[in-house]
Amino acid sequence: MKTSILLLALSASLFAKEPTNEKPNTTAKNPKAISLFNGKDLTGWHADIPDAKPNVKLKPSFIARDGKLVSLGRPLGHLITDKTYENYRLTFQYRFPGKPGNCGVLVHSSTPRYLFKMFPKSIEVQMHHKNAGDFWCIGENIKVPNMEKRRPKRENQKWGGDKGDARRILNLTDNSEKPLGEWNKMIIECSNKEVKVWVNGDLVNHGTDATASRGQIALQAEGSEVEFKDLLLTPLQKKSPSK
């Protein structure tokens, strides 16, 4: 009888939903966090705006305002770090000060305008209102548990990051965001080929076997004004590959 109970408990644990109460390890000894935004200007970043052409004046898509980094939403494009990064924890706060809308943070970003002549090759961590923490695969790919349910695809589609592929991976919870106008805290942890995302303390996504493990970090201008503050990057120790 005891053996049967033990086997049932083990079976249940194998098929349990991925926990959402895991916290990032902030106690390990790591180098001091690096600020990615100086609060004054966009030093360390550059914009890629497909509509920008020689001799054509466009309003900026990204600005520094009142100590915050602001994506104005349009013209559409990306603000990209000059440097590339790997094995890090990115922590920041964001909010939609006006209407709810769309934005995202792209990790392991590389080839500009790879998809739809707009999006750089990357793994996007979604910030779309009420969908924060979804993954979108853009030229790259990543795996999550329960792929059939969390990465729905149409007939003849494949899981991938190219045009026509099933690129969206649903998050674990859609109720982790604060009310519109309030600040949300997001943590993105990239360690080797693993990406974890927390929103306001909840683990909302966890992917493994990513096809990239380093690259630039990009913020989107995707139609909605979004404010960012406290953008901090903490290097992590590189994990030894499992045997």
C-alpha atoms as a PDB file:
ATOM      1  CA  MET A   1       0.000   0.000   0.000  1.00  0.00           C
ATOM      2  CA  LYS A   2       2.784   2.413   0.953  1.00  0.00           C
ATOM      3  CA  THR A   3       4.572   1.580  -2.313  1.00  0.00           C
ATOM      4  CA  SER A   4       1.420   2.402  -4.360  1.00  0.00           C
ATOM      5  CA  ILE A   5       0.991   5.751  -2.599  1.00  0.00           C
ATOM      6  CA  LEU A   6       4.637   6.616  -3.232  1.00  0.00           C
ATOM      7  CA  LEU A   7       4.317   5.786  -6.933  1.00  0.00           C
ATOM      8  CA  LEU A   8       1.163   7.898  -7.273  1.00  0.00           C
ATOM      9  CA  ALA A   9       2.867  10.865  -5.603  1.00  0.00           C
ATOM     10  CA  LEU A  10       5.895  10.531  -7.890  1.00  0.00           C
ATOM     11  CA  SER A  11       3.685  10.332 -10.977  1.00  0.00           C
ATOM     12  CA  ALA A  12       1.753  13.462  -9.935  1.00  0.00           C
ATOM     13  CA  SER A  13       4.964  15.394  -9.414  1.00  0.00           C
ATOM     14  CA  LEU A  14       6.199  14.548 -12.905  1.00  0.00           C
ATOM     15  CA  PHE A  15       3.098  15.990 -14.561  1.00  0.00           C
ATOM     16  CA  ALA A  16       2.487  18.936 -12.225  1.00  0.00           C
ATOM     17  CA  LYS A  17       2.282  22.424 -13.714  1.00  0.00           C
ATOM     18  CA  GLU A  18       5.530  24.309 -13.715  1.00  0.00           C
ATOM     19  CA  PRO A  19       5.689  26.319 -10.455  1.00  0.00           C
ATOM     20  CA  THR A  20       5.268  30.080 -10.577  1.00  0.00           C
ATOM     21  CA  ASN A  21       6.688  30.829  -7.117  1.00  0.00           C
ATOM     22  CA  GLU A  22      10.368  30.295  -7.944  1.00  0.00           C
ATOM     23  CA  LYS A  23      12.410  33.408  -7.179  1.00  0.00           C
ATOM     24  CA  PRO A  24      15.582  34.581  -8.938  1.00  0.00           C
ATOM     25  CA  ASN A  25      18.754  33.774  -7.010  1.00  0.00           C
ATOM     26  CA  THR A  26      19.968  37.181  -5.859  1.00  0.00           C
ATOM     27  CA  THR A  27      22.168  35.892  -3.041  1.00  0.00           C
ATOM     28  CA  ALA A  28      24.957  34.383  -5.154  1.00  0.00           C
ATOM     29  CA  LYS A  29      28.190  36.355  -5.288  1.00  0.00           C
ATOM     30  CA  ASN A  30      28.215  38.213  -8.614  1.00  0.00           C
ATOM     31  CA  PRO A  31      29.891  41.350  -9.951  1.00  0.00           C
ATOM     32  CA  LYS A  32      28.127  44.636  -9.291  1.00  0.00           C
ATOM     33  CA  ALA A  33      25.060  45.405 -11.413  1.00  0.00           C
ATOM     34  CA  ILE A  34      25.600  47.584 -14.488  1.00  0.00           C
ATOM     35  CA  SER A  35      23.172  50.411 -15.242  1.00  0.00           C
ATOM     36  CA  LEU A  36      22.101  50.342 -18.899  1.00  0.00           C
ATOM     37  CA  PHE A  37      20.564  53.832 -18.758  1.00  0.00           C
ATOM     38  CA  ASN A  38      22.236  56.913 -17.279  1.00  0.00           C
ATOM     39  CA  GLY A  39      18.980  58.801 -16.770  1.00  0.00           C
ATOM     40  CA  LYS A  40      20.049  61.655 -19.083  1.00  0.00           C
ATOM     41  CA  ASP A  41      20.456  60.387 -22.641  1.00  0.00           C
ATOM     42  CA  LEU A  42      20.645  57.228 -24.740  1.00  0.00           C
ATOM     43  CA  THR A  43      24.390  56.716 -24.465  1.00  0.00           C
ATOM     44  CA  GLY A  44      25.159  53.011 -24.981  1.00  0.00           C
ATOM     45  CA  TRP A  45      22.153  52.480 -27.238  1.00  0.00           C
ATOM     46  CA  HIS A  46      21.364  53.016 -30.905  1.00  0.00           C
ATOM     47  CA  ALA A  47      18.030  53.062 -32.719  1.00  0.00           C
ATOM     48  CA  ASP A  48      17.095  51.002 -35.758  1.00  0.00           C
ATOM     49  CA  ILE A  49      14.032  52.578 -37.396  1.00  0.00           C
ATOM     50  CA  PRO A  50      13.190  51.073 -40.816  1.00  0.00           C
ATOM     51  CA  ASP A  51      11.274  54.188 -41.922  1.00  0.00           C
ATOM     52  CA  ALA A  52      14.330  56.378 -41.321  1.00  0.00           C
ATOM     53  CA  LYS A  53      15.846  57.416 -44.645  1.00  0.00           C
ATOM     54  CA  PRO A  54      18.487  59.948 -45.699  1.00  0.00           C
ATOM     55  CA  ASN A  55      17.177  63.517 -45.850  1.00  0.00           C
ATOM     56  CA  VAL A  56      13.890  62.500 -44.212  1.00  0.00           C
ATOM     57  CA  LYS A  57      13.176  64.033 -40.814  1.00  0.00           C
ATOM     58  CA  LEU A  58      11.395  61.768 -38.356  1.00  0.00           C
ATOM     59  CA  LYS A  59      10.498  62.364 -34.750  1.00  0.00           C
ATOM     60  CA  PRO A  60      12.557  60.143 -32.420  1.00  0.00           C
ATOM     61  CA  SER A  61      11.026  56.850 -31.341  1.00  0.00           C
ATOM     62  CA  PHE A  62      13.000  56.774 -28.081  1.00  0.00           C
ATOM     63  CA  ILE A  63      13.906  59.590 -25.705  1.00  0.00           C
ATOM     64  CA  ALA A  64      15.190  60.253 -22.190  1.00  0.00           C
ATOM     65  CA  ARG A  65      12.562  62.141 -20.176  1.00  0.00           C
ATOM     66  CA  ASP A  66      12.450  63.006 -16.475  1.00  0.00           C
ATOM     67  CA  GLY A  67      15.020  60.348 -15.637  1.00  0.00           C
ATOM     68  CA  LYS A  68      13.185  57.646 -17.584  1.00  0.00           C
ATOM     69  CA  LEU A  69      13.882  55.904 -20.874  1.00  0.00           C
ATOM     70  CA  VAL A  70      10.742  56.293 -22.978  1.00  0.00           C
ATOM     71  CA  SER A  71       9.573  54.395 -26.039  1.00  0.00           C
ATOM     72  CA  LEU A  72       7.143  56.735 -27.785  1.00  0.00           C
ATOM     73  CA  GLY A  73       5.737  53.861 -29.837  1.00  0.00           C
ATOM     74  CA  ARG A  74       6.219  55.429 -33.263  1.00  0.00           C
ATOM     75  CA  PRO A  75       7.940  55.439 -35.689  1.00  0.00           C
ATOM     76  CA  LEU A  76       8.134  51.671 -35.285  1.00  0.00           C
ATOM     77  CA  GLY A  77      11.541  50.200 -34.559  1.00  0.00           C
ATOM     78  CA  HIS A  78      13.991  49.136 -31.885  1.00  0.00           C
ATOM     79  CA  LEU A  79      16.463  50.650 -29.450  1.00  0.00           C
ATOM     80  CA  ILE A  80      19.451  48.323 -29.255  1.00  0.00           C
ATOM     81  CA  THR A  81      22.414  48.129 -26.887  1.00  0.00           C
ATOM     82  CA  ASP A  82      25.773  48.828 -28.486  1.00  0.00           C
ATOM     83  CA  LYS A  83      27.279  45.905 -26.574  1.00  0.00           C
ATOM     84  CA  THR A  84      26.429  42.222 -26.622  1.00  0.00           C
ATOM     85  CA  TYR A  85      25.761  40.281 -23.421  1.00  0.00           C
ATOM     86  CA  GLU A  86      25.535  36.709 -22.178  1.00  0.00           C
ATOM     87  CA  ASN A  87      24.806  35.087 -18.812  1.00  0.00           C
ATOM     88  CA  TYR A  88      23.057  37.959 -17.060  1.00  0.00           C
ATOM     89  CA  ARG A  89      20.028  39.023 -15.077  1.00  0.00           C
ATOM     90  CA  LEU A  90      18.190  42.062 -16.496  1.00  0.00           C
ATOM     91  CA  THR A  91      15.978  43.894 -13.997  1.00  0.00           C
ATOM     92  CA  PHE A  92      13.802  46.904 -14.813  1.00  0.00           C
ATOM     93  CA  GLN A  93      10.487  48.606 -14.180  1.00  0.00           C
ATOM     94  CA  TYR A  94       8.013  49.618 -16.860  1.00  0.00           C
ATOM     95  CA  ARG A  95       4.547  51.058 -17.249  1.00  0.00           C
ATOM     96  CA  PHE A  96       2.096  52.234 -19.909  1.00  0.00           C
ATOM     97  CA  PRO A  97       1.426  55.839 -18.799  1.00  0.00           C
ATOM     98  CA  GLY A  98      -1.537  56.252 -21.146  1.00  0.00           C
ATOM     99  CA  LYS A  99      -3.511  53.663 -23.068  1.00  0.00           C
ATOM    100  CA  PRO A 100      -2.624  49.974 -22.700  1.00  0.00           C
ATOM    101  CA  GLY A 101      -0.626  48.668 -25.600  1.00  0.00           C
ATOM    102  CA  ASN A 102       2.264  46.658 -26.919  1.00  0.00           C
ATOM    103  CA  CYS A 103       6.017  46.522 -26.375  1.00  0.00           C
ATOM    104  CA  GLY A 104       8.724  43.968 -25.672  1.00  0.00           C
ATOM    105  CA  VAL A 105      12.295  43.309 -24.627  1.00  0.00           C
ATOM    106  CA  LEU A 106      14.368  41.275 -27.053  1.00  0.00           C
ATOM    107  CA  VAL A 107      17.257  39.190 -25.747  1.00  0.00           C
ATOM    108  CA  HIS A 108      20.042  37.521 -27.768  1.00  0.00           C
ATOM    109  CA  SER A 109      19.364  40.043 -30.521  1.00  0.00           C
ATOM    110  CA  SER A 110      21.570  39.887 -33.622  1.00  0.00           C
ATOM    111  CA  THR A 111      20.691  40.322 -37.312  1.00  0.00           C
ATOM    112  CA  PRO A 112      18.714  43.588 -37.755  1.00  0.00           C
ATOM    113  CA  ARG A 113      15.358  43.519 -39.585  1.00  0.00           C
ATOM    114  CA  TYR A 114      15.470  39.740 -39.872  1.00  0.00           C
ATOM    115  CA  LEU A 115      11.687  39.236 -39.817  1.00  0.00           C
ATOM    116  CA  PHE A 116       9.162  41.319 -41.791  1.00  0.00           C
ATOM    117  CA  LYS A 117      12.003  43.792 -42.469  1.00  0.00           C
ATOM    118  CA  MET A 118      11.448  45.043 -38.921  1.00  0.00           C
ATOM    119  CA  PHE A 119      12.323  42.649 -36.079  1.00  0.00           C
ATOM    120  CA  PRO A 120      15.925  41.648 -35.289  1.00  0.00           C
ATOM    121  CA  LYS A 121      16.756  37.984 -34.860  1.00  0.00           C
ATOM    122  CA  SER A 122      16.105  37.365 -31.154  1.00  0.00           C
ATOM    123  CA  ILE A 123      13.848  35.911 -28.481  1.00  0.00           C
ATOM    124  CA  GLU A 124      11.239  38.467 -27.470  1.00  0.00           C
ATOM    125  CA  VAL A 125       9.946  38.708 -23.925  1.00  0.00           C
ATOM    126  CA  GLN A 126       6.484  40.154 -24.417  1.00  0.00           C
ATOM    127  CA  MET A 127       5.215  43.189 -22.491  1.00  0.00           C
ATOM    128  CA  HIS A 128       1.868  43.466 -24.296  1.00  0.00           C
ATOM    129  CA  HIS A 129      -0.748  44.496 -21.717  1.00  0.00           C
ATOM    130  CA  LYS A 130      -2.217  41.366 -20.041  1.00  0.00           C
ATOM    131  CA  ASN A 131       0.242  39.128 -21.892  1.00  0.00           C
ATOM    132  CA  ALA A 132       3.490  40.047 -20.163  1.00  0.00           C
ATOM    133  CA  GLY A 133       5.975  37.192 -20.192  1.00  0.00           C
ATOM    134  CA  ASP A 134       4.979  35.461 -23.420  1.00  0.00           C
ATOM    135  CA  PHE A 135       7.910  34.431 -25.615  1.00  0.00           C
ATOM    136  CA  TRP A 136       7.957  35.294 -29.304  1.00  0.00           C
ATOM    137  CA  CYS A 137      10.592  33.489 -31.352  1.00  0.00           C
ATOM    138  CA  ILE A 138      12.158  35.721 -34.022  1.00  0.00           C
ATOM    139  CA  GLY A 139      14.601  33.728 -36.092  1.00  0.00           C
ATOM    140  CA  GLU A 140      15.685  31.915 -32.923  1.00  0.00           C
ATOM    141  CA  ASN A 141      13.882  29.160 -31.027  1.00  0.00           C
ATOM    142  CA  ILE A 142      13.349  27.964 -27.461  1.00  0.00           C
ATOM    143  CA  LYS A 143      11.518  25.091 -25.753  1.00  0.00           C
ATOM    144  CA  VAL A 144       9.102  25.060 -22.810  1.00  0.00           C
ATOM    145  CA  PRO A 145       7.254  22.269 -20.982  1.00  0.00           C
ATOM    146  CA  ASN A 146       3.815  21.386 -22.320  1.00  0.00           C
ATOM    147  CA  MET A 147       4.596  22.712 -25.804  1.00  0.00           C
ATOM    148  CA  GLU A 148       1.386  21.411 -27.402  1.00  0.00           C
ATOM    149  CA  LYS A 149      -0.757  23.524 -25.082  1.00  0.00           C
ATOM    150  CA  ARG A 150       1.428  26.597 -24.618  1.00  0.00           C
ATOM    151  CA  ARG A 151       2.622  26.911 -28.214  1.00  0.00           C
ATOM    152  CA  PRO A 152      -0.477  26.316 -30.312  1.00  0.00           C
ATOM    153  CA  LYS A 153       0.051  25.825 -34.028  1.00  0.00           C
ATOM    154  CA  ARG A 154      -2.138  25.471 -37.060  1.00  0.00           C
ATOM    155  CA  GLU A 155      -2.067  22.462 -39.341  1.00  0.00           C
ATOM    156  CA  ASN A 156       1.175  22.197 -41.319  1.00  0.00           C
ATOM    157  CA  GLN A 157       2.871  24.749 -39.069  1.00  0.00           C
ATOM    158  CA  LYS A 158       6.119  24.000 -37.278  1.00  0.00           C
ATOM    159  CA  TRP A 159       7.580  25.419 -34.092  1.00  0.00           C
ATOM    160  CA  GLY A 160      10.165  27.946 -35.169  1.00  0.00           C
ATOM    161  CA  GLY A 161      11.060  31.591 -35.500  1.00  0.00           C
ATOM    162  CA  ASP A 162      10.483  32.313 -39.166  1.00  0.00           C
ATOM    163  CA  LYS A 163       7.548  33.647 -41.152  1.00  0.00           C
ATOM    164  CA  GLY A 164       4.633  31.201 -41.038  1.00  0.00           C
ATOM    165  CA  ASP A 165       5.959  29.313 -38.002  1.00  0.00           C
ATOM    166  CA  ALA A 166       4.204  28.997 -34.638  1.00  0.00           C
ATOM    167  CA  ARG A 167       6.338  31.635 -32.929  1.00  0.00           C
ATOM    168  CA  ARG A 168       4.313  32.544 -29.813  1.00  0.00           C
ATOM    169  CA  ILE A 169       4.753  30.704 -26.497  1.00  0.00           C
ATOM    170  CA  LEU A 170       2.086  31.536 -23.911  1.00  0.00           C
ATOM    171  CA  ASN A 171       3.154  32.537 -20.410  1.00  0.00           C
ATOM    172  CA  LEU A 172       2.229  30.675 -17.232  1.00  0.00           C
ATOM    173  CA  THR A 173      -0.024  33.394 -15.783  1.00  0.00           C
ATOM    174  CA  ASP A 174      -1.826  36.416 -17.202  1.00  0.00           C
ATOM    175  CA  ASN A 175      -2.704  37.970 -13.823  1.00  0.00           C
ATOM    176  CA  SER A 176       0.733  39.115 -12.669  1.00  0.00           C
ATOM    177  CA  GLU A 177       0.613  42.671 -14.037  1.00  0.00           C
ATOM    178  CA  LYS A 178      -0.267  45.746 -11.999  1.00  0.00           C
ATOM    179  CA  PRO A 179      -3.250  47.944 -12.959  1.00  0.00           C
ATOM    180  CA  LEU A 180      -2.695  50.226 -15.931  1.00  0.00           C
ATOM    181  CA  GLY A 181      -0.491  53.205 -15.071  1.00  0.00           C
ATOM    182  CA  GLU A 182       1.316  51.484 -12.191  1.00  0.00           C
ATOM    183  CA  TRP A 183       4.912  50.298 -12.381  1.00  0.00           C
ATOM    184  CA  ASN A 184       5.614  46.634 -13.127  1.00  0.00           C
ATOM    185  CA  LYS A 185       8.902  44.961 -12.248  1.00  0.00           C
ATOM    186  CA  MET A 186      10.264  42.487 -14.775  1.00  0.00           C
ATOM    187  CA  ILE A 187      13.309  40.249 -14.355  1.00  0.00           C
ATOM    188  CA  ILE A 188      14.793  38.368 -17.305  1.00  0.00           C
ATOM    189  CA  GLU A 189      17.488  35.844 -16.489  1.00  0.00           C
ATOM    190  CA  CYS A 190      19.570  34.479 -19.357  1.00  0.00           C
ATOM    191  CA  SER A 191      21.927  31.660 -18.411  1.00  0.00           C
ATOM    192  CA  ASN A 192      23.544  29.686 -21.216  1.00  0.00           C
ATOM    193  CA  LYS A 193      20.606  28.458 -23.328  1.00  0.00           C
ATOM    194  CA  GLU A 194      18.000  29.025 -20.611  1.00  0.00           C
ATOM    195  CA  VAL A 195      15.699  32.056 -20.223  1.00  0.00           C
ATOM    196  CA  LYS A 196      13.517  32.740 -17.171  1.00  0.00           C
ATOM    197  CA  VAL A 197      11.091  35.641 -16.744  1.00  0.00           C
ATOM    198  CA  TRP A 198       9.472  37.062 -13.616  1.00  0.00           C
ATOM    199  CA  VAL A 199       6.749  39.740 -13.509  1.00  0.00           C
ATOM    200  CA  ASN A 200       6.154  41.344 -10.106  1.00  0.00           C
ATOM    201  CA  GLY A 201       7.673  38.339  -8.367  1.00  0.00           C
ATOM    202  CA  ASP A 202       5.823  35.619 -10.321  1.00  0.00           C
ATOM    203  CA  LEU A 203       7.763  33.224 -12.544  1.00  0.00           C
ATOM    204  CA  VAL A 204       5.807  33.673 -15.783  1.00  0.00           C
ATOM    205  CA  ASN A 205       7.999  31.814 -18.270  1.00  0.00           C
ATOM    206  CA  HIS A 206      10.947  29.417 -18.373  1.00  0.00           C
ATOM    207  CA  GLY A 207      12.500  28.205 -21.605  1.00  0.00           C
ATOM    208  CA  THR A 208      15.437  25.919 -22.316  1.00  0.00           C
ATOM    209  CA  ASP A 209      17.529  24.779 -25.273  1.00  0.00           C
ATOM    210  CA  ALA A 210      17.478  28.220 -26.864  1.00  0.00           C
ATOM    211  CA  THR A 211      19.205  28.441 -30.229  1.00  0.00           C
ATOM    212  CA  ALA A 212      21.164  31.503 -29.044  1.00  0.00           C
ATOM    213  CA  SER A 213      22.865  32.305 -25.755  1.00  0.00           C
ATOM    214  CA  ARG A 214      24.306  35.774 -26.343  1.00  0.00           C
ATOM    215  CA  GLY A 215      23.509  38.966 -28.213  1.00  0.00           C
ATOM    216  CA  GLN A 216      22.337  42.521 -27.836  1.00  0.00           C
ATOM    217  CA  ILE A 217      19.308  43.664 -25.843  1.00  0.00           C
ATOM    218  CA  ALA A 218      16.591  45.604 -27.646  1.00  0.00           C
ATOM    219  CA  LEU A 219      13.512  47.583 -26.604  1.00  0.00           C
ATOM    220  CA  GLN A 220      10.602  47.997 -28.971  1.00  0.00           C
ATOM    221  CA  ALA A 221       8.677  50.936 -30.321  1.00  0.00           C
ATOM    222  CA  GLU A 222       5.518  49.066 -31.267  1.00  0.00           C
ATOM    223  CA  GLY A 223       2.750  51.631 -31.283  1.00  0.00           C
ATOM    224  CA  SER A 224       2.351  52.446 -27.573  1.00  0.00           C
ATOM    225  CA  GLU A 225       4.173  54.798 -25.211  1.00  0.00           C
ATOM    226  CA  VAL A 226       6.068  52.898 -22.516  1.00  0.00           C
ATOM    227  CA  GLU A 227       8.284  54.239 -19.733  1.00  0.00           C
ATOM    228  CA  PHE A 228      11.292  52.329 -18.394  1.00  0.00           C
ATOM    229  CA  LYS A 229      13.396  52.934 -15.306  1.00  0.00           C
ATOM    230  CA  ASP A 230      16.022  51.175 -13.162  1.00  0.00           C
ATOM    231  CA  LEU A 231      17.460  49.145 -16.042  1.00  0.00           C
ATOM    232  CA  LEU A 232      20.135  47.055 -14.335  1.00  0.00           C
ATOM    233  CA  LEU A 233      22.163  44.181 -15.733  1.00  0.00           C
ATOM    234  CA  THR A 234      23.896  41.804 -13.329  1.00  0.00           C
ATOM    235  CA  PRO A 235      26.438  39.352 -14.793  1.00  0.00           C
ATOM    236  CA  LEU A 236      25.897  35.708 -13.816  1.00  0.00           C
ATOM    237  CA  GLN A 237      28.443  32.966 -13.488  1.00  0.00           C
ATOM    238  CA  LYS A 238      28.473  30.706 -16.504  1.00  0.00           C
ATOM    239  CA  LYS A 239      27.035  27.277 -15.723  1.00  0.00           C
ATOM    240  CA  SER A 240      29.088  24.199 -16.503  1.00  0.00           C
ATOM    241  CA  PRO A 241      27.390  22.026 -19.152  1.00  0.00           C
ATOM    242  CA  SER A 242      25.663  19.003 -17.634  1.00  0.00           C
ATOM    243  CA  LYS A 243      27.239  15.614 -18.322  1.00  0.00           C
END
